Amino acid sequence: MITKKFLKSKPVCKVTFKLPKNVSNGADQVFLVGDFNEWNKTATPMKGLKDGSFSTTVDLAQGQEYAFRYLIDGAEWANETEADKTASTPFPDAVNSVVIV
């Protein structure tokens, strides 16, 4: 799930990414990985919530598209089912989720 909060004071959007429990499958760690952090696998950890989901909020510049994926326990990749769109990758077995702000 993605929620967007556009700021009136500057051209930034606070985007909250939430990976539900049924996708995280009891994970210990989940990271948000994408264009906004140069695809660094450990730069943006997500916080585990009491209901078993994971969440994080990042500030993204408005007027852009950002490809991203979730990395679960350092081994499994997951996409966002409610992404604004998807984008192909150089890897034949993968697509990226895309958020537009």
N, C-alpha and C. Protein backbone atom coordinates (compact mmCIF):
# COMPACT_ATOMS: atom_id res chain seq x y z
N MET A 1 0.84 -1.17 0.00
CA MET A 1 0.00 0.00 0.00
C MET A 1 0.89 1.24 0.00
N ILE A 2 0.51 2.22 -0.79
CA ILE A 2 1.26 3.47 -0.89
C ILE A 2 0.32 4.62 -0.57
N THR A 3 0.78 5.52 0.30
CA THR A 3 0.03 6.76 0.54
C THR A 3 0.96 7.92 0.29
N LYS A 4 0.42 8.99 -0.29
CA LYS A 4 1.20 10.16 -0.65
C LYS A 4 0.66 11.39 0.05
N LYS A 5 1.58 12.19 0.60
CA LYS A 5 1.21 13.46 1.22
C LYS A 5 2.07 14.55 0.59
N PHE A 6 1.45 15.35 -0.28
CA PHE A 6 2.17 16.42 -0.95
C PHE A 6 2.30 17.62 -0.02
N LEU A 7 3.51 18.16 0.09
CA LEU A 7 3.77 19.30 0.94
C LEU A 7 3.53 20.59 0.17
N LYS A 8 2.87 21.55 0.81
CA LYS A 8 2.60 22.84 0.17
C LYS A 8 3.82 23.75 0.24
N SER A 9 4.66 23.54 1.24
CA SER A 9 5.79 24.44 1.48
C SER A 9 7.00 24.17 0.58
N LYS A 10 7.10 22.98 0.01
CA LYS A 10 8.22 22.65 -0.87
C LYS A 10 7.81 21.53 -1.83
N PRO A 11 8.54 21.37 -2.95
CA PRO A 11 8.16 20.38 -3.96
C PRO A 11 8.55 18.95 -3.59
N VAL A 12 8.09 18.53 -2.44
CA VAL A 12 8.40 17.20 -1.92
C VAL A 12 7.11 16.49 -1.57
N CYS A 13 7.11 15.19 -1.77
CA CYS A 13 5.96 14.36 -1.38
C CYS A 13 6.45 13.33 -0.36
N LYS A 14 5.77 13.26 0.77
CA LYS A 14 6.07 12.22 1.77
C LYS A 14 5.29 10.97 1.34
N VAL A 15 6.02 9.94 0.95
CA VAL A 15 5.40 8.72 0.45
C VAL A 15 5.62 7.62 1.48
N THR A 16 4.51 7.04 1.94
CA THR A 16 4.58 5.93 2.90
C THR A 16 4.33 4.63 2.15
N PHE A 17 5.28 3.72 2.30
CA PHE A 17 5.20 2.39 1.70
C PHE A 17 4.88 1.41 2.81
N LYS A 18 3.88 0.55 2.58
CA LYS A 18 3.52 -0.45 3.60
C LYS A 18 3.37 -1.81 2.93
N LEU A 19 4.15 -2.75 3.41
CA LEU A 19 4.09 -4.12 2.92
C LEU A 19 3.24 -4.93 3.89
N PRO A 20 2.11 -5.46 3.43
CA PRO A 20 1.21 -6.17 4.35
C PRO A 20 1.77 -7.50 4.85
N LYS A 21 1.20 -7.96 5.93
CA LYS A 21 1.62 -9.20 6.59
C LYS A 21 1.58 -10.39 5.64
N ASN A 22 0.53 -10.48 4.81
CA ASN A 22 0.40 -11.65 3.93
C ASN A 22 1.50 -11.70 2.86
N VAL A 23 2.18 -10.59 2.62
CA VAL A 23 3.29 -10.59 1.66
C VAL A 23 4.62 -10.78 2.39
N SER A 24 4.76 -10.18 3.56
CA SER A 24 6.02 -10.29 4.30
C SER A 24 6.21 -11.68 4.90
N ASN A 25 5.14 -12.44 5.08
CA ASN A 25 5.21 -13.84 5.51
C ASN A 25 6.10 -14.08 6.72
N GLY A 26 5.94 -13.28 7.76
CA GLY A 26 6.71 -13.48 8.99
C GLY A 26 8.17 -13.09 8.88
N ALA A 27 8.48 -12.17 7.98
CA ALA A 27 9.86 -11.75 7.76
C ALA A 27 10.46 -11.10 9.01
N ASP A 28 11.78 -11.19 9.13
CA ASP A 28 12.49 -10.50 10.19
C ASP A 28 12.87 -9.09 9.78
N GLN A 29 13.22 -8.93 8.48
CA GLN A 29 13.63 -7.62 7.98
C GLN A 29 13.08 -7.41 6.57
N VAL A 30 12.69 -6.17 6.30
CA VAL A 30 12.28 -5.77 4.96
C VAL A 30 12.93 -4.43 4.66
N PHE A 31 13.46 -4.30 3.45
CA PHE A 31 14.06 -3.05 3.00
C PHE A 31 13.34 -2.55 1.76
N LEU A 32 13.21 -1.24 1.65
CA LEU A 32 12.67 -0.59 0.46
C LEU A 32 13.87 -0.22 -0.40
N VAL A 33 13.89 -0.73 -1.63
CA VAL A 33 15.04 -0.56 -2.51
C VAL A 33 14.56 0.03 -3.83
N GLY A 34 15.22 1.11 -4.28
CA GLY A 34 14.77 1.69 -5.54
C GLY A 34 15.66 2.82 -6.04
N ASP A 35 15.14 3.50 -7.06
CA ASP A 35 15.86 4.61 -7.68
C ASP A 35 16.27 5.67 -6.66
N PHE A 36 15.41 5.94 -5.68
CA PHE A 36 15.63 7.01 -4.71
C PHE A 36 16.78 6.73 -3.76
N ASN A 37 17.24 5.48 -3.65
CA ASN A 37 18.40 5.18 -2.80
C ASN A 37 19.48 4.42 -3.59
N GLU A 38 19.47 4.63 -4.93
CA GLU A 38 20.45 4.02 -5.82
C GLU A 38 20.49 2.50 -5.71
N TRP A 39 19.35 1.92 -5.44
CA TRP A 39 19.17 0.46 -5.33
C TRP A 39 20.08 -0.15 -4.26
N ASN A 40 20.33 0.62 -3.22
CA ASN A 40 21.12 0.13 -2.09
C ASN A 40 20.22 -0.78 -1.26
N LYS A 41 20.63 -2.03 -1.10
CA LYS A 41 19.79 -3.05 -0.46
C LYS A 41 19.60 -2.87 1.05
N THR A 42 20.37 -1.96 1.67
CA THR A 42 20.23 -1.78 3.13
C THR A 42 20.02 -0.33 3.53
N ALA A 43 19.87 0.58 2.57
CA ALA A 43 19.78 2.01 2.88
C ALA A 43 18.45 2.42 3.52
N THR A 44 17.36 1.72 3.18
CA THR A 44 16.04 2.14 3.66
C THR A 44 15.32 0.97 4.33
N PRO A 45 15.63 0.73 5.61
CA PRO A 45 14.93 -0.35 6.33
C PRO A 45 13.48 0.04 6.60
N MET A 46 12.63 -0.95 6.62
CA MET A 46 11.22 -0.72 6.95
C MET A 46 10.99 -1.19 8.39
N LYS A 47 10.10 -0.50 9.08
CA LYS A 47 9.81 -0.81 10.48
C LYS A 47 8.73 -1.90 10.54
N GLY A 48 9.01 -2.92 11.33
CA GLY A 48 8.03 -3.97 11.56
C GLY A 48 6.93 -3.46 12.49
N LEU A 49 5.68 -3.65 12.10
CA LEU A 49 4.55 -3.20 12.91
C LEU A 49 3.92 -4.38 13.65
N LYS A 50 3.14 -4.06 14.68
CA LYS A 50 2.54 -5.10 15.52
C LYS A 50 1.66 -6.07 14.74
N ASP A 51 1.04 -5.59 13.66
CA ASP A 51 0.14 -6.45 12.88
C ASP A 51 0.89 -7.35 11.89
N GLY A 52 2.24 -7.30 11.90
CA GLY A 52 3.03 -8.16 11.02
C GLY A 52 3.40 -7.51 9.69
N SER A 53 2.92 -6.30 9.46
CA SER A 53 3.27 -5.58 8.23
C SER A 53 4.54 -4.78 8.47
N PHE A 54 5.08 -4.17 7.42
CA PHE A 54 6.27 -3.33 7.50
C PHE A 54 5.97 -2.00 6.83
N SER A 55 6.55 -0.90 7.34
CA SER A 55 6.25 0.42 6.81
C SER A 55 7.46 1.34 6.90
N THR A 56 7.54 2.26 5.95
CA THR A 56 8.54 3.34 6.00
C THR A 56 8.03 4.50 5.17
N THR A 57 8.51 5.70 5.50
CA THR A 57 8.13 6.91 4.76
C THR A 57 9.39 7.57 4.23
N VAL A 58 9.36 7.96 2.96
CA VAL A 58 10.49 8.65 2.35
C VAL A 58 10.00 9.93 1.68
N ASP A 59 10.87 10.93 1.64
CA ASP A 59 10.58 12.19 0.95
C ASP A 59 11.08 12.07 -0.48
N LEU A 60 10.16 12.26 -1.43
CA LEU A 60 10.53 12.17 -2.85
C LEU A 60 10.20 13.47 -3.56
N ALA A 61 11.09 13.88 -4.45
CA ALA A 61 10.86 15.09 -5.24
C ALA A 61 9.65 14.90 -6.14
N GLN A 62 8.81 15.92 -6.21
CA GLN A 62 7.60 15.85 -7.04
C GLN A 62 7.95 15.93 -8.52
N GLY A 63 7.03 15.43 -9.35
CA GLY A 63 7.20 15.50 -10.79
C GLY A 63 8.09 14.41 -11.36
N GLN A 64 8.28 13.33 -10.61
CA GLN A 64 9.14 12.25 -11.07
C GLN A 64 8.50 10.89 -10.83
N GLU A 65 9.07 9.89 -11.49
CA GLU A 65 8.69 8.49 -11.29
C GLU A 65 9.87 7.76 -10.67
N TYR A 66 9.57 6.85 -9.75
CA TYR A 66 10.61 6.10 -9.06
C TYR A 66 10.29 4.61 -9.11
N ALA A 67 11.22 3.83 -9.66
CA ALA A 67 11.08 2.38 -9.66
C ALA A 67 11.57 1.86 -8.31
N PHE A 68 10.92 0.80 -7.82
CA PHE A 68 11.31 0.24 -6.52
C PHE A 68 10.80 -1.18 -6.38
N ARG A 69 11.32 -1.86 -5.35
CA ARG A 69 10.85 -3.18 -4.94
C ARG A 69 11.11 -3.33 -3.44
N TYR A 70 10.49 -4.33 -2.85
CA TYR A 70 10.74 -4.67 -1.45
C TYR A 70 11.69 -5.87 -1.41
N LEU A 71 12.67 -5.83 -0.51
CA LEU A 71 13.59 -6.94 -0.31
C LEU A 71 13.31 -7.56 1.06
N ILE A 72 12.84 -8.78 1.05
CA ILE A 72 12.41 -9.48 2.27
C ILE A 72 13.52 -10.42 2.74
N ASP A 73 13.97 -10.21 3.97
CA ASP A 73 15.01 -11.02 4.60
C ASP A 73 16.24 -11.21 3.71
N GLY A 74 16.56 -10.21 2.92
CA GLY A 74 17.76 -10.23 2.10
C GLY A 74 17.77 -11.22 0.96
N ALA A 75 16.64 -11.90 0.73
CA ALA A 75 16.66 -12.95 -0.28
C ALA A 75 15.49 -12.93 -1.26
N GLU A 76 14.34 -12.46 -0.83
CA GLU A 76 13.14 -12.52 -1.67
C GLU A 76 12.68 -11.13 -2.06
N TRP A 77 12.41 -10.92 -3.34
CA TRP A 77 11.93 -9.64 -3.84
C TRP A 77 10.42 -9.68 -3.96
N ALA A 78 9.77 -8.56 -3.64
CA ALA A 78 8.32 -8.45 -3.77
C ALA A 78 7.98 -7.11 -4.41
N ASN A 79 6.90 -7.11 -5.18
CA ASN A 79 6.42 -5.88 -5.80
C ASN A 79 5.24 -5.33 -5.02
N GLU A 80 4.93 -4.09 -5.29
CA GLU A 80 3.78 -3.41 -4.69
C GLU A 80 2.57 -3.62 -5.59
N THR A 81 1.53 -4.26 -5.05
CA THR A 81 0.34 -4.54 -5.86
C THR A 81 -0.45 -3.28 -6.20
N GLU A 82 -0.27 -2.21 -5.40
CA GLU A 82 -1.00 -0.97 -5.64
C GLU A 82 -0.10 0.12 -6.23
N ALA A 83 0.98 -0.27 -6.90
CA ALA A 83 1.88 0.70 -7.52
C ALA A 83 1.15 1.45 -8.63
N ASP A 84 1.66 2.64 -8.95
CA ASP A 84 1.05 3.43 -10.01
C ASP A 84 1.21 2.76 -11.37
N LYS A 85 2.32 2.04 -11.55
CA LYS A 85 2.52 1.26 -12.75
C LYS A 85 3.71 0.32 -12.53
N THR A 86 4.04 -0.49 -13.52
CA THR A 86 5.22 -1.35 -13.44
C THR A 86 6.16 -0.98 -14.58
N ALA A 87 7.41 -1.40 -14.44
CA ALA A 87 8.42 -1.12 -15.47
C ALA A 87 9.28 -2.37 -15.66
N SER A 88 9.66 -2.62 -16.89
CA SER A 88 10.52 -3.76 -17.17
C SER A 88 11.92 -3.52 -16.63
N THR A 89 12.66 -4.58 -16.46
CA THR A 89 14.03 -4.52 -15.97
C THR A 89 14.94 -5.27 -16.95
N PRO A 90 16.26 -5.16 -16.78
CA PRO A 90 17.15 -5.94 -17.64
C PRO A 90 17.09 -7.44 -17.35
N PHE A 91 16.41 -7.81 -16.27
CA PHE A 91 16.32 -9.22 -15.88
C PHE A 91 15.01 -9.81 -16.40
N PRO A 92 15.05 -10.91 -17.13
CA PRO A 92 13.83 -11.44 -17.75
C PRO A 92 12.78 -11.94 -16.76
N ASP A 93 13.18 -12.22 -15.53
CA ASP A 93 12.23 -12.78 -14.56
C ASP A 93 11.74 -11.74 -13.55
N ALA A 94 11.94 -10.44 -13.84
CA ALA A 94 11.57 -9.43 -12.84
C ALA A 94 11.00 -8.17 -13.49
N VAL A 95 10.07 -7.54 -12.78
CA VAL A 95 9.58 -6.21 -13.13
C VAL A 95 9.65 -5.36 -11.87
N ASN A 96 9.74 -4.06 -12.04
CA ASN A 96 9.78 -3.15 -10.90
C ASN A 96 8.42 -2.50 -10.72
N SER A 97 8.09 -2.16 -9.49
CA SER A 97 6.95 -1.33 -9.20
C SER A 97 7.39 0.13 -9.41
N VAL A 98 6.44 0.99 -9.74
CA VAL A 98 6.77 2.40 -9.97
C VAL A 98 5.76 3.27 -9.21
N VAL A 99 6.28 4.28 -8.49
CA VAL A 99 5.44 5.27 -7.84
C VAL A 99 5.67 6.59 -8.56
N ILE A 100 4.58 7.31 -8.83
CA ILE A 100 4.65 8.59 -9.52
C ILE A 100 4.23 9.68 -8.54
N VAL A 101 5.11 10.68 -8.35
CA VAL A 101 4.79 11.78 -7.43
C VAL A 101 4.90 13.12 -8.13
